[in-house]
Amino acid sequence: MTAAPPPEPADPFVGGSGAYYHAYLLWDTAAHACSEFEQHKQTAQALSAVLFSCASVEAFFNELTAQAGQRQDEDAGKALSGALEEVEEARGSARLKFLITILLLTGEPADKGTQPYQDLAVLFRVRDEIVHSKPHRHKFTPDGIEAEPKKLLGTLHGMHLIEDPTQPPARSLFSAISTVALCKWAVETARAVMRYVVERIPDGTLSKLVRTAALGEAP
């Protein structure tokens, strides 16, 4: 009688699960685009730096929602997962997610008049103008150039991120925001927002997971 062959060893991965997180990759892509813009000064690189900076922040909050859902044994996980899921289902903005996250983590509302919220709000205004682009007109007046969107351009100039939009030569919005200063600011703002949130998550598995996935740092 022939002996039965030994059973095949069980595949250790069968039945397992995992997830890929992309916030850090998106942020690193933004940083690379900014570095390329410093060398080559191509508008596409500057716009990429802004858009990927915003994408990294949006991915960060989406990933935080999922990570919190996996850590229901921690107070921070319980507090964040349900609330952020509701905001996502309602298509809430990254700014709203930031405010709710800080409130839940600290028990106090975030100060909208301080950093990093102020820079976050301006960054997404720039992003919205790019993504929802429409014709921007300019008019020559005795006092200089009136360019659209006037309020946003004025804000960015006041932050020393772009040249004076009221002075020649007339520039398109995309050309006006293609500066090294704005490029670096966009990348730094995204990083600052993520770090601000991470540093307010109590020590534990969730904190380590988020820090590694979002900031690329060892826990």
N, C-alpha and C. Protein backbone atom coordinates (compact mmCIF):
# COMPACT_ATOMS: atom_id res chain seq x y z
N MET A 1 0.85 -1.19 0.00
CA MET A 1 0.00 0.00 0.00
C MET A 1 0.89 1.24 0.00
N THR A 2 0.63 2.11 -0.93
CA THR A 2 1.46 3.32 -1.06
C THR A 2 1.03 4.36 -0.04
N ALA A 3 2.01 4.93 0.64
CA ALA A 3 1.70 5.94 1.65
C ALA A 3 1.23 7.23 0.98
N ALA A 4 0.28 7.88 1.59
CA ALA A 4 -0.22 9.16 1.06
C ALA A 4 0.87 10.21 1.15
N PRO A 5 0.98 11.05 0.13
CA PRO A 5 2.01 12.11 0.19
C PRO A 5 1.71 13.07 1.33
N PRO A 6 2.77 13.67 1.87
CA PRO A 6 2.54 14.62 2.96
C PRO A 6 1.73 15.82 2.47
N PRO A 7 0.94 16.39 3.32
CA PRO A 7 0.12 17.53 2.90
C PRO A 7 0.97 18.74 2.52
N GLU A 8 0.49 19.51 1.58
CA GLU A 8 1.19 20.73 1.19
C GLU A 8 1.22 21.70 2.36
N PRO A 9 2.34 22.34 2.57
CA PRO A 9 2.38 23.32 3.66
C PRO A 9 1.39 24.45 3.41
N ALA A 10 0.78 24.91 4.46
CA ALA A 10 -0.22 25.98 4.33
C ALA A 10 0.47 27.27 3.88
N ASP A 11 -0.16 27.96 2.96
CA ASP A 11 0.36 29.25 2.51
C ASP A 11 0.11 30.27 3.61
N PRO A 12 1.18 30.84 4.19
CA PRO A 12 0.98 31.76 5.32
C PRO A 12 0.22 33.03 4.94
N PHE A 13 0.12 33.33 3.62
CA PHE A 13 -0.56 34.57 3.22
C PHE A 13 -2.04 34.37 2.95
N VAL A 14 -2.46 33.12 2.79
CA VAL A 14 -3.88 32.86 2.53
C VAL A 14 -4.70 33.24 3.76
N GLY A 15 -5.73 34.04 3.52
CA GLY A 15 -6.57 34.49 4.63
C GLY A 15 -6.08 35.77 5.28
N GLY A 16 -4.88 36.21 4.90
CA GLY A 16 -4.37 37.45 5.46
C GLY A 16 -4.89 38.66 4.70
N SER A 17 -4.54 39.81 5.16
CA SER A 17 -4.95 41.04 4.48
C SER A 17 -3.93 42.12 4.74
N GLY A 18 -4.00 43.16 3.96
CA GLY A 18 -3.06 44.27 4.13
C GLY A 18 -3.59 45.49 3.42
N ALA A 19 -2.83 46.54 3.44
CA ALA A 19 -3.26 47.77 2.79
C ALA A 19 -2.03 48.55 2.36
N TYR A 20 -2.19 49.27 1.28
CA TYR A 20 -1.14 50.17 0.82
C TYR A 20 -1.54 51.60 1.19
N TYR A 21 -0.58 52.34 1.72
CA TYR A 21 -0.83 53.74 2.10
C TYR A 21 0.00 54.64 1.18
N HIS A 22 -0.58 55.75 0.76
CA HIS A 22 0.05 56.54 -0.29
C HIS A 22 0.33 58.00 0.08
N ALA A 23 -0.04 58.42 1.28
CA ALA A 23 0.14 59.84 1.63
C ALA A 23 1.60 60.27 1.50
N TYR A 24 2.50 59.45 2.02
CA TYR A 24 3.92 59.83 1.97
C TYR A 24 4.43 59.85 0.53
N LEU A 25 4.02 58.86 -0.27
CA LEU A 25 4.45 58.82 -1.67
C LEU A 25 3.97 60.06 -2.42
N LEU A 26 2.73 60.45 -2.17
CA LEU A 26 2.19 61.65 -2.83
C LEU A 26 2.95 62.89 -2.39
N TRP A 27 3.24 62.97 -1.09
CA TRP A 27 4.00 64.13 -0.60
C TRP A 27 5.41 64.14 -1.21
N ASP A 28 6.04 62.98 -1.27
CA ASP A 28 7.39 62.89 -1.84
C ASP A 28 7.38 63.27 -3.32
N THR A 29 6.30 62.93 -4.02
CA THR A 29 6.15 63.32 -5.42
C THR A 29 6.06 64.84 -5.54
N ALA A 30 5.33 65.47 -4.61
CA ALA A 30 5.24 66.93 -4.59
C ALA A 30 6.61 67.55 -4.35
N ALA A 31 7.35 67.00 -3.40
CA ALA A 31 8.68 67.52 -3.09
C ALA A 31 9.61 67.38 -4.30
N HIS A 32 9.50 66.26 -5.00
CA HIS A 32 10.34 66.04 -6.18
C HIS A 32 9.98 67.03 -7.28
N ALA A 33 8.68 67.26 -7.47
CA ALA A 33 8.24 68.22 -8.50
C ALA A 33 8.77 69.61 -8.18
N CYS A 34 8.77 69.97 -6.90
CA CYS A 34 9.27 71.27 -6.49
C CYS A 34 10.77 71.38 -6.76
N SER A 35 11.50 70.31 -6.47
CA SER A 35 12.94 70.30 -6.73
C SER A 35 13.22 70.44 -8.22
N GLU A 36 12.41 69.77 -9.04
CA GLU A 36 12.57 69.88 -10.48
C GLU A 36 12.25 71.30 -10.96
N PHE A 37 11.25 71.92 -10.35
CA PHE A 37 10.89 73.28 -10.75
C PHE A 37 12.02 74.26 -10.43
N GLU A 38 12.69 74.06 -9.31
CA GLU A 38 13.81 74.93 -8.96
C GLU A 38 14.88 74.91 -10.05
N GLN A 39 15.04 73.76 -10.70
CA GLN A 39 16.09 73.63 -11.72
C GLN A 39 15.62 74.07 -13.09
N HIS A 40 14.38 73.71 -13.45
CA HIS A 40 13.94 73.88 -14.84
C HIS A 40 12.88 74.97 -15.04
N LYS A 41 12.24 75.40 -13.96
CA LYS A 41 11.26 76.50 -14.02
C LYS A 41 10.14 76.25 -15.02
N GLN A 42 9.63 75.03 -15.04
CA GLN A 42 8.50 74.71 -15.90
C GLN A 42 7.20 74.78 -15.09
N THR A 43 6.23 75.49 -15.64
CA THR A 43 4.97 75.69 -14.93
C THR A 43 4.33 74.37 -14.50
N ALA A 44 4.40 73.36 -15.34
CA ALA A 44 3.80 72.06 -15.02
C ALA A 44 4.37 71.49 -13.73
N GLN A 45 5.65 71.73 -13.49
CA GLN A 45 6.28 71.21 -12.27
C GLN A 45 5.77 71.94 -11.04
N ALA A 46 5.57 73.25 -11.16
CA ALA A 46 5.05 74.02 -10.03
C ALA A 46 3.61 73.61 -9.71
N LEU A 47 2.80 73.46 -10.75
CA LEU A 47 1.42 73.04 -10.53
C LEU A 47 1.37 71.64 -9.93
N SER A 48 2.26 70.77 -10.38
CA SER A 48 2.32 69.42 -9.83
C SER A 48 2.65 69.44 -8.35
N ALA A 49 3.56 70.32 -7.96
CA ALA A 49 3.93 70.41 -6.55
C ALA A 49 2.73 70.80 -5.70
N VAL A 50 1.93 71.75 -6.19
CA VAL A 50 0.74 72.18 -5.46
C VAL A 50 -0.29 71.06 -5.39
N LEU A 51 -0.58 70.46 -6.53
CA LEU A 51 -1.63 69.45 -6.59
C LEU A 51 -1.27 68.20 -5.80
N PHE A 52 -0.02 67.76 -5.89
CA PHE A 52 0.38 66.57 -5.15
C PHE A 52 0.50 66.86 -3.65
N SER A 53 0.81 68.09 -3.29
CA SER A 53 0.80 68.46 -1.87
C SER A 53 -0.60 68.32 -1.31
N CYS A 54 -1.58 68.83 -2.04
CA CYS A 54 -2.97 68.72 -1.60
C CYS A 54 -3.43 67.27 -1.60
N ALA A 55 -3.03 66.52 -2.62
CA ALA A 55 -3.41 65.11 -2.69
C ALA A 55 -2.86 64.34 -1.50
N SER A 56 -1.66 64.68 -1.06
CA SER A 56 -1.07 63.98 0.09
C SER A 56 -1.87 64.25 1.36
N VAL A 57 -2.36 65.48 1.53
CA VAL A 57 -3.17 65.81 2.70
C VAL A 57 -4.50 65.06 2.66
N GLU A 58 -5.12 65.03 1.48
CA GLU A 58 -6.39 64.32 1.35
C GLU A 58 -6.21 62.83 1.60
N ALA A 59 -5.14 62.25 1.08
CA ALA A 59 -4.86 60.84 1.31
C ALA A 59 -4.58 60.59 2.79
N PHE A 60 -3.88 61.52 3.43
CA PHE A 60 -3.57 61.37 4.85
C PHE A 60 -4.83 61.22 5.69
N PHE A 61 -5.82 62.07 5.46
CA PHE A 61 -7.04 61.98 6.27
C PHE A 61 -7.86 60.74 5.90
N ASN A 62 -7.86 60.34 4.64
CA ASN A 62 -8.55 59.11 4.26
C ASN A 62 -7.88 57.89 4.91
N GLU A 63 -6.56 57.90 4.91
CA GLU A 63 -5.83 56.79 5.51
C GLU A 63 -5.96 56.79 7.03
N LEU A 64 -5.98 57.98 7.62
CA LEU A 64 -6.17 58.08 9.06
C LEU A 64 -7.52 57.48 9.45
N THR A 65 -8.54 57.72 8.63
CA THR A 65 -9.86 57.16 8.90
C THR A 65 -9.80 55.63 8.94
N ALA A 66 -9.13 55.05 7.95
CA ALA A 66 -9.01 53.59 7.89
C ALA A 66 -8.16 53.05 9.03
N GLN A 67 -7.07 53.73 9.32
CA GLN A 67 -6.18 53.27 10.38
C GLN A 67 -6.87 53.35 11.74
N ALA A 68 -7.63 54.41 11.95
CA ALA A 68 -8.37 54.54 13.21
C ALA A 68 -9.40 53.43 13.35
N GLY A 69 -10.02 53.06 12.23
CA GLY A 69 -11.00 51.99 12.27
C GLY A 69 -10.41 50.65 12.67
N GLN A 70 -9.11 50.48 12.43
CA GLN A 70 -8.43 49.24 12.80
C GLN A 70 -7.98 49.23 14.25
N ARG A 71 -8.04 50.38 14.90
CA ARG A 71 -7.55 50.47 16.30
C ARG A 71 -8.68 50.92 17.22
N GLN A 72 -9.75 50.14 17.22
CA GLN A 72 -10.88 50.46 18.08
C GLN A 72 -10.58 50.19 19.54
N ASP A 73 -9.44 49.55 19.81
CA ASP A 73 -9.04 49.31 21.19
C ASP A 73 -8.37 50.54 21.81
N GLU A 74 -8.13 51.58 20.98
CA GLU A 74 -7.52 52.81 21.48
C GLU A 74 -8.54 53.93 21.43
N ASP A 75 -8.49 54.80 22.42
CA ASP A 75 -9.46 55.89 22.49
C ASP A 75 -9.44 56.76 21.24
N ALA A 76 -8.24 57.03 20.73
CA ALA A 76 -8.14 57.87 19.53
C ALA A 76 -8.79 57.20 18.33
N GLY A 77 -8.62 55.88 18.23
CA GLY A 77 -9.24 55.15 17.14
C GLY A 77 -10.74 55.20 17.19
N LYS A 78 -11.29 55.02 18.39
CA LYS A 78 -12.74 55.07 18.57
C LYS A 78 -13.28 56.46 18.21
N ALA A 79 -12.57 57.48 18.65
CA ALA A 79 -13.05 58.85 18.46
C ALA A 79 -13.02 59.26 16.99
N LEU A 80 -11.98 58.84 16.29
CA LEU A 80 -11.77 59.34 14.94
C LEU A 80 -12.53 58.59 13.86
N SER A 81 -12.57 57.28 13.93
CA SER A 81 -13.04 56.49 12.79
C SER A 81 -14.46 56.83 12.37
N GLY A 82 -15.39 56.79 13.30
CA GLY A 82 -16.78 57.05 12.94
C GLY A 82 -17.01 58.46 12.44
N ALA A 83 -16.41 59.43 13.12
CA ALA A 83 -16.62 60.83 12.75
C ALA A 83 -16.04 61.13 11.37
N LEU A 84 -14.82 60.65 11.10
CA LEU A 84 -14.19 60.93 9.82
C LEU A 84 -14.88 60.18 8.68
N GLU A 85 -15.43 59.02 8.98
CA GLU A 85 -16.21 58.31 7.95
C GLU A 85 -17.44 59.12 7.56
N GLU A 86 -18.08 59.72 8.55
CA GLU A 86 -19.27 60.55 8.26
C GLU A 86 -18.90 61.76 7.40
N VAL A 87 -17.77 62.37 7.73
CA VAL A 87 -17.33 63.55 6.97
C VAL A 87 -17.01 63.15 5.53
N GLU A 88 -16.37 62.00 5.37
CA GLU A 88 -16.02 61.54 4.03
C GLU A 88 -17.27 61.23 3.21
N GLU A 89 -18.24 60.57 3.84
CA GLU A 89 -19.48 60.25 3.14
C GLU A 89 -20.22 61.52 2.71
N ALA A 90 -20.08 62.58 3.51
CA ALA A 90 -20.72 63.86 3.17
C ALA A 90 -19.84 64.70 2.26
N ARG A 91 -18.71 64.12 1.83
CA ARG A 91 -17.76 64.80 0.96
C ARG A 91 -17.23 66.08 1.59
N GLY A 92 -16.94 65.99 2.86
CA GLY A 92 -16.37 67.13 3.58
C GLY A 92 -14.95 67.41 3.11
N SER A 93 -14.55 68.66 3.21
CA SER A 93 -13.24 69.09 2.73
C SER A 93 -12.12 68.64 3.68
N ALA A 94 -10.90 68.72 3.19
CA ALA A 94 -9.74 68.42 4.02
C ALA A 94 -9.65 69.40 5.19
N ARG A 95 -10.09 70.64 4.96
CA ARG A 95 -10.09 71.63 6.04
C ARG A 95 -11.04 71.22 7.15
N LEU A 96 -12.21 70.72 6.79
CA LEU A 96 -13.17 70.27 7.80
C LEU A 96 -12.63 69.05 8.53
N LYS A 97 -12.02 68.15 7.81
CA LYS A 97 -11.45 66.96 8.45
C LYS A 97 -10.36 67.35 9.45
N PHE A 98 -9.58 68.34 9.09
CA PHE A 98 -8.54 68.81 10.01
C PHE A 98 -9.18 69.35 11.29
N LEU A 99 -10.18 70.20 11.15
CA LEU A 99 -10.82 70.80 12.31
C LEU A 99 -11.45 69.75 13.21
N ILE A 100 -12.13 68.78 12.61
CA ILE A 100 -12.78 67.74 13.41
C ILE A 100 -11.75 66.84 14.07
N THR A 101 -10.71 66.50 13.35
CA THR A 101 -9.66 65.64 13.90
C THR A 101 -9.01 66.27 15.12
N ILE A 102 -8.66 67.55 15.02
CA ILE A 102 -8.02 68.23 16.15
C ILE A 102 -8.98 68.33 17.33
N LEU A 103 -10.24 68.60 17.06
CA LEU A 103 -11.23 68.68 18.14
C LEU A 103 -11.35 67.34 18.87
N LEU A 104 -11.40 66.25 18.12
CA LEU A 104 -11.55 64.94 18.73
C LEU A 104 -10.30 64.49 19.47
N LEU A 105 -9.15 64.87 18.96
CA LEU A 105 -7.90 64.44 19.59
C LEU A 105 -7.55 65.26 20.83
N THR A 106 -7.90 66.52 20.82
CA THR A 106 -7.47 67.40 21.92
C THR A 106 -8.61 67.82 22.85
N GLY A 107 -9.84 67.68 22.36
CA GLY A 107 -10.98 68.13 23.16
C GLY A 107 -11.22 69.62 23.03
N GLU A 108 -10.44 70.29 22.21
CA GLU A 108 -10.58 71.73 22.00
C GLU A 108 -10.62 72.04 20.51
N PRO A 109 -11.41 73.04 20.11
CA PRO A 109 -11.45 73.39 18.68
C PRO A 109 -10.12 73.96 18.21
N ALA A 110 -9.76 73.64 16.98
CA ALA A 110 -8.54 74.20 16.40
C ALA A 110 -8.74 75.69 16.18
N ASP A 111 -7.68 76.44 16.36
CA ASP A 111 -7.72 77.89 16.16
C ASP A 111 -7.54 78.17 14.67
N LYS A 112 -8.61 78.61 14.01
CA LYS A 112 -8.55 78.85 12.58
C LYS A 112 -7.70 80.07 12.24
N GLY A 113 -7.32 80.83 13.24
CA GLY A 113 -6.51 82.02 13.00
C GLY A 113 -5.03 81.77 13.12
N THR A 114 -4.63 80.51 13.34
CA THR A 114 -3.21 80.20 13.51
C THR A 114 -2.80 79.12 12.51
N GLN A 115 -1.50 78.82 12.54
CA GLN A 115 -0.97 77.77 11.67
C GLN A 115 -1.13 76.41 12.35
N PRO A 116 -1.25 75.33 11.61
CA PRO A 116 -1.13 75.29 10.15
C PRO A 116 -2.45 75.50 9.40
N TYR A 117 -3.54 75.77 10.14
CA TYR A 117 -4.83 75.85 9.45
C TYR A 117 -4.85 76.97 8.41
N GLN A 118 -4.30 78.13 8.73
CA GLN A 118 -4.36 79.24 7.77
C GLN A 118 -3.68 78.89 6.46
N ASP A 119 -2.51 78.29 6.54
CA ASP A 119 -1.82 77.90 5.31
C ASP A 119 -2.58 76.80 4.59
N LEU A 120 -3.15 75.87 5.34
CA LEU A 120 -3.94 74.80 4.73
C LEU A 120 -5.10 75.38 3.93
N ALA A 121 -5.80 76.35 4.51
CA ALA A 121 -6.94 76.96 3.83
C ALA A 121 -6.51 77.65 2.54
N VAL A 122 -5.40 78.38 2.58
CA VAL A 122 -4.92 79.08 1.38
C VAL A 122 -4.45 78.08 0.33
N LEU A 123 -3.75 77.04 0.78
CA LEU A 123 -3.25 76.03 -0.16
C LEU A 123 -4.40 75.42 -0.95
N PHE A 124 -5.50 75.11 -0.28
CA PHE A 124 -6.61 74.50 -0.99
C PHE A 124 -7.39 75.51 -1.83
N ARG A 125 -7.29 76.78 -1.51
CA ARG A 125 -7.85 77.80 -2.42
C ARG A 125 -7.06 77.81 -3.73
N VAL A 126 -5.75 77.69 -3.62
CA VAL A 126 -4.91 77.63 -4.84
C VAL A 126 -5.26 76.37 -5.62
N ARG A 127 -5.36 75.27 -4.91
CA ARG A 127 -5.70 74.00 -5.56
C ARG A 127 -7.04 74.09 -6.29
N ASP A 128 -8.03 74.70 -5.66
CA ASP A 128 -9.35 74.81 -6.27
C ASP A 128 -9.31 75.65 -7.54
N GLU A 129 -8.50 76.71 -7.53
CA GLU A 129 -8.39 77.55 -8.72
C GLU A 129 -7.75 76.78 -9.88
N ILE A 130 -6.86 75.86 -9.55
CA ILE A 130 -6.21 75.05 -10.60
C ILE A 130 -7.18 74.00 -11.12
N VAL A 131 -7.77 73.25 -10.20
CA VAL A 131 -8.62 72.12 -10.57
C VAL A 131 -9.91 72.58 -11.25
N HIS A 132 -10.46 73.69 -10.76
CA HIS A 132 -11.70 74.22 -11.33
C HIS A 132 -11.40 75.47 -12.15
N SER A 133 -10.40 75.36 -12.98
CA SER A 133 -9.91 76.51 -13.73
C SER A 133 -10.99 77.11 -14.64
N LYS A 134 -10.96 78.42 -14.70
CA LYS A 134 -11.85 79.16 -15.59
C LYS A 134 -11.08 80.37 -16.11
N PRO A 135 -11.60 81.05 -17.12
CA PRO A 135 -10.87 82.21 -17.65
C PRO A 135 -10.62 83.26 -16.57
N HIS A 136 -9.39 83.73 -16.49
CA HIS A 136 -9.04 84.80 -15.56
C HIS A 136 -8.65 86.03 -16.38
N ARG A 137 -9.36 87.10 -16.17
CA ARG A 137 -9.10 88.32 -16.96
C ARG A 137 -8.21 89.28 -16.19
N HIS A 138 -7.57 90.15 -16.95
CA HIS A 138 -6.81 91.22 -16.32
C HIS A 138 -7.11 92.52 -17.07
N LYS A 139 -6.99 93.61 -16.34
CA LYS A 139 -7.29 94.93 -16.91
C LYS A 139 -6.19 95.90 -16.53
N PHE A 140 -5.77 96.70 -17.50
CA PHE A 140 -4.74 97.70 -17.25
C PHE A 140 -5.42 99.00 -16.79
N THR A 141 -4.98 99.53 -15.69
CA THR A 141 -5.53 100.76 -15.14
C THR A 141 -4.38 101.73 -14.86
N PRO A 142 -4.70 103.00 -14.58
CA PRO A 142 -3.64 103.96 -14.25
C PRO A 142 -2.84 103.55 -13.01
N ASP A 143 -3.45 102.75 -12.16
CA ASP A 143 -2.77 102.32 -10.93
C ASP A 143 -2.05 100.99 -11.08
N GLY A 144 -2.14 100.39 -12.25
CA GLY A 144 -1.49 99.10 -12.44
C GLY A 144 -2.43 98.08 -13.07
N ILE A 145 -2.17 96.82 -12.80
CA ILE A 145 -2.95 95.73 -13.40
C ILE A 145 -3.94 95.18 -12.37
N GLU A 146 -5.17 95.00 -12.81
CA GLU A 146 -6.16 94.29 -12.00
C GLU A 146 -6.29 92.89 -12.58
N ALA A 147 -5.79 91.91 -11.85
CA ALA A 147 -5.78 90.53 -12.33
C ALA A 147 -6.68 89.66 -11.48
N GLU A 148 -7.27 88.67 -12.10
CA GLU A 148 -8.12 87.71 -11.39
C GLU A 148 -7.35 86.40 -11.17
N PRO A 149 -7.70 85.71 -10.06
CA PRO A 149 -8.61 86.08 -8.97
C PRO A 149 -7.92 87.05 -8.01
N LYS A 150 -8.43 88.26 -7.94
CA LYS A 150 -7.76 89.36 -7.26
C LYS A 150 -7.48 89.07 -5.79
N LYS A 151 -8.47 88.54 -5.08
CA LYS A 151 -8.31 88.33 -3.64
C LYS A 151 -7.24 87.29 -3.35
N LEU A 152 -7.27 86.18 -4.08
CA LEU A 152 -6.27 85.13 -3.85
C LEU A 152 -4.88 85.61 -4.20
N LEU A 153 -4.74 86.29 -5.33
CA LEU A 153 -3.42 86.80 -5.71
C LEU A 153 -2.90 87.79 -4.68
N GLY A 154 -3.80 88.61 -4.15
CA GLY A 154 -3.39 89.55 -3.11
C GLY A 154 -2.93 88.84 -1.86
N THR A 155 -3.63 87.78 -1.49
CA THR A 155 -3.24 86.99 -0.32
C THR A 155 -1.86 86.37 -0.51
N LEU A 156 -1.63 85.78 -1.67
CA LEU A 156 -0.35 85.13 -1.94
C LEU A 156 0.79 86.13 -1.99
N HIS A 157 0.52 87.30 -2.54
CA HIS A 157 1.56 88.34 -2.56
C HIS A 157 1.85 88.82 -1.14
N GLY A 158 0.79 88.96 -0.34
CA GLY A 158 0.99 89.37 1.05
C GLY A 158 1.78 88.37 1.86
N MET A 159 1.75 87.11 1.44
CA MET A 159 2.53 86.06 2.10
C MET A 159 3.93 85.94 1.51
N HIS A 160 4.26 86.83 0.56
CA HIS A 160 5.57 86.85 -0.11
C HIS A 160 5.85 85.56 -0.89
N LEU A 161 4.78 85.02 -1.49
CA LEU A 161 4.92 83.79 -2.26
C LEU A 161 4.95 84.04 -3.76
N ILE A 162 4.43 85.19 -4.20
CA ILE A 162 4.43 85.53 -5.63
C ILE A 162 4.82 86.99 -5.78
N GLU A 163 5.12 87.37 -7.01
CA GLU A 163 5.44 88.77 -7.29
C GLU A 163 4.16 89.60 -7.28
N ASP A 164 4.31 90.90 -7.21
CA ASP A 164 3.18 91.81 -7.14
C ASP A 164 2.31 91.67 -8.40
N PRO A 165 1.08 91.17 -8.25
CA PRO A 165 0.25 90.95 -9.44
C PRO A 165 -0.27 92.24 -10.07
N THR A 166 -0.09 93.37 -9.39
CA THR A 166 -0.58 94.64 -9.94
C THR A 166 0.46 95.31 -10.83
N GLN A 167 1.67 94.75 -10.88
CA GLN A 167 2.75 95.36 -11.65
C GLN A 167 3.06 94.54 -12.90
N PRO A 168 3.47 95.22 -13.98
CA PRO A 168 3.81 94.50 -15.22
C PRO A 168 4.98 93.54 -14.98
N PRO A 169 5.07 92.50 -15.81
CA PRO A 169 4.15 92.18 -16.91
C PRO A 169 2.89 91.47 -16.41
N ALA A 170 1.83 91.53 -17.21
CA ALA A 170 0.61 90.80 -16.86
C ALA A 170 0.90 89.30 -16.97
N ARG A 171 0.39 88.55 -16.00
CA ARG A 171 0.65 87.11 -15.98
C ARG A 171 -0.67 86.35 -15.82
N SER A 172 -0.71 85.17 -16.35
CA SER A 172 -1.83 84.28 -16.07
C SER A 172 -1.71 83.80 -14.63
N LEU A 173 -2.79 83.28 -14.09
CA LEU A 173 -2.74 82.75 -12.72
C LEU A 173 -1.68 81.67 -12.62
N PHE A 174 -1.66 80.75 -13.58
CA PHE A 174 -0.71 79.65 -13.49
C PHE A 174 0.73 80.15 -13.54
N SER A 175 0.97 81.17 -14.35
CA SER A 175 2.31 81.74 -14.41
C SER A 175 2.65 82.47 -13.11
N ALA A 176 1.67 83.18 -12.56
CA ALA A 176 1.90 83.95 -11.34
C ALA A 176 2.26 83.07 -10.17
N ILE A 177 1.62 81.91 -10.07
CA ILE A 177 1.87 81.05 -8.91
C ILE A 177 3.05 80.10 -9.13
N SER A 178 3.67 80.18 -10.28
CA SER A 178 4.83 79.32 -10.55
C SER A 178 6.10 79.99 -10.04
N THR A 179 6.25 79.98 -8.74
CA THR A 179 7.44 80.54 -8.10
C THR A 179 8.04 79.50 -7.16
N VAL A 180 9.32 79.60 -6.94
CA VAL A 180 9.98 78.66 -6.03
C VAL A 180 9.42 78.82 -4.62
N ALA A 181 9.15 80.05 -4.22
CA ALA A 181 8.65 80.29 -2.87
C ALA A 181 7.31 79.60 -2.65
N LEU A 182 6.39 79.73 -3.61
CA LEU A 182 5.09 79.10 -3.45
C LEU A 182 5.21 77.58 -3.51
N CYS A 183 6.05 77.10 -4.39
CA CYS A 183 6.27 75.67 -4.54
C CYS A 183 6.74 75.05 -3.21
N LYS A 184 7.74 75.65 -2.62
CA LYS A 184 8.27 75.14 -1.35
C LYS A 184 7.24 75.26 -0.23
N TRP A 185 6.52 76.37 -0.23
CA TRP A 185 5.49 76.58 0.79
C TRP A 185 4.41 75.51 0.71
N ALA A 186 3.98 75.15 -0.49
CA ALA A 186 2.95 74.12 -0.65
C ALA A 186 3.40 72.80 -0.06
N VAL A 187 4.62 72.41 -0.37
CA VAL A 187 5.16 71.15 0.12
C VAL A 187 5.31 71.19 1.64
N GLU A 188 5.83 72.29 2.15
CA GLU A 188 6.04 72.42 3.59
C GLU A 188 4.70 72.47 4.35
N THR A 189 3.69 73.10 3.74
CA THR A 189 2.38 73.18 4.39
C THR A 189 1.76 71.80 4.54
N ALA A 190 1.82 71.00 3.49
CA ALA A 190 1.27 69.65 3.55
C ALA A 190 1.96 68.85 4.65
N ARG A 191 3.26 68.95 4.71
CA ARG A 191 4.03 68.21 5.74
C ARG A 191 3.66 68.72 7.13
N ALA A 192 3.54 70.02 7.28
CA ALA A 192 3.23 70.60 8.59
C ALA A 192 1.85 70.17 9.08
N VAL A 193 0.88 70.11 8.18
CA VAL A 193 -0.47 69.69 8.56
C VAL A 193 -0.46 68.25 9.06
N MET A 194 0.18 67.38 8.32
CA MET A 194 0.23 65.98 8.72
C MET A 194 0.97 65.81 10.05
N ARG A 195 2.09 66.50 10.20
CA ARG A 195 2.85 66.38 11.44
C ARG A 195 2.05 66.94 12.62
N TYR A 196 1.35 68.03 12.41
CA TYR A 196 0.55 68.64 13.48
C TYR A 196 -0.47 67.64 14.01
N VAL A 197 -1.11 66.92 13.11
CA VAL A 197 -2.11 65.92 13.53
C VAL A 197 -1.44 64.74 14.21
N VAL A 198 -0.38 64.22 13.61
CA VAL A 198 0.31 63.05 14.15
C VAL A 198 0.78 63.31 15.58
N GLU A 199 1.30 64.49 15.82
CA GLU A 199 1.83 64.80 17.15
C GLU A 199 0.75 64.91 18.21
N ARG A 200 -0.51 64.94 17.80
CA ARG A 200 -1.61 65.02 18.76
C ARG A 200 -2.33 63.68 18.96
N ILE A 201 -1.86 62.65 18.30
CA ILE A 201 -2.39 61.31 18.52
C ILE A 201 -1.66 60.71 19.71
N PRO A 202 -2.35 60.27 20.74
CA PRO A 202 -1.68 59.70 21.91
C PRO A 202 -0.77 58.54 21.52
N ASP A 203 0.30 58.36 22.28
CA ASP A 203 1.23 57.27 22.02
C ASP A 203 0.50 55.93 22.01
N GLY A 204 0.82 55.11 21.04
CA GLY A 204 0.19 53.81 20.92
C GLY A 204 0.40 53.28 19.51
N THR A 205 -0.25 52.18 19.21
CA THR A 205 -0.10 51.56 17.90
C THR A 205 -0.58 52.47 16.78
N LEU A 206 -1.71 53.16 16.99
CA LEU A 206 -2.23 54.06 15.96
C LEU A 206 -1.24 55.16 15.65
N SER A 207 -0.68 55.75 16.68
CA SER A 207 0.30 56.83 16.48
C SER A 207 1.49 56.35 15.66
N LYS A 208 2.00 55.17 15.99
CA LYS A 208 3.16 54.62 15.27
C LYS A 208 2.81 54.32 13.82
N LEU A 209 1.61 53.75 13.60
CA LEU A 209 1.19 53.41 12.25
C LEU A 209 1.05 54.65 11.39
N VAL A 210 0.43 55.68 11.92
CA VAL A 210 0.19 56.90 11.16
C VAL A 210 1.51 57.62 10.88
N ARG A 211 2.37 57.68 11.88
CA ARG A 211 3.65 58.37 11.71
C ARG A 211 4.47 57.71 10.61
N THR A 212 4.49 56.39 10.57
CA THR A 212 5.26 55.69 9.55
C THR A 212 4.65 55.87 8.17
N ALA A 213 3.33 55.71 8.07
CA ALA A 213 2.67 55.76 6.77
C ALA A 213 2.64 57.17 6.19
N ALA A 214 2.44 58.19 7.02
CA ALA A 214 2.26 59.54 6.52
C ALA A 214 3.55 60.33 6.42
N LEU A 215 4.45 60.13 7.38
CA LEU A 215 5.66 60.92 7.43
C LEU A 215 6.91 60.17 6.98
N GLY A 216 6.75 58.85 6.81
CA GLY A 216 7.92 58.06 6.39
C GLY A 216 8.96 57.95 7.47
N GLU A 217 8.54 58.11 8.73
CA GLU A 217 9.47 58.09 9.85
C GLU A 217 9.30 56.81 10.66
N ALA A 218 10.39 56.31 11.21
CA ALA A 218 10.31 55.15 12.08
C ALA A 218 9.60 55.56 13.37
N PRO A 219 8.73 54.69 13.88
CA PRO A 219 8.00 55.03 15.13
C PRO A 219 8.94 55.13 16.31
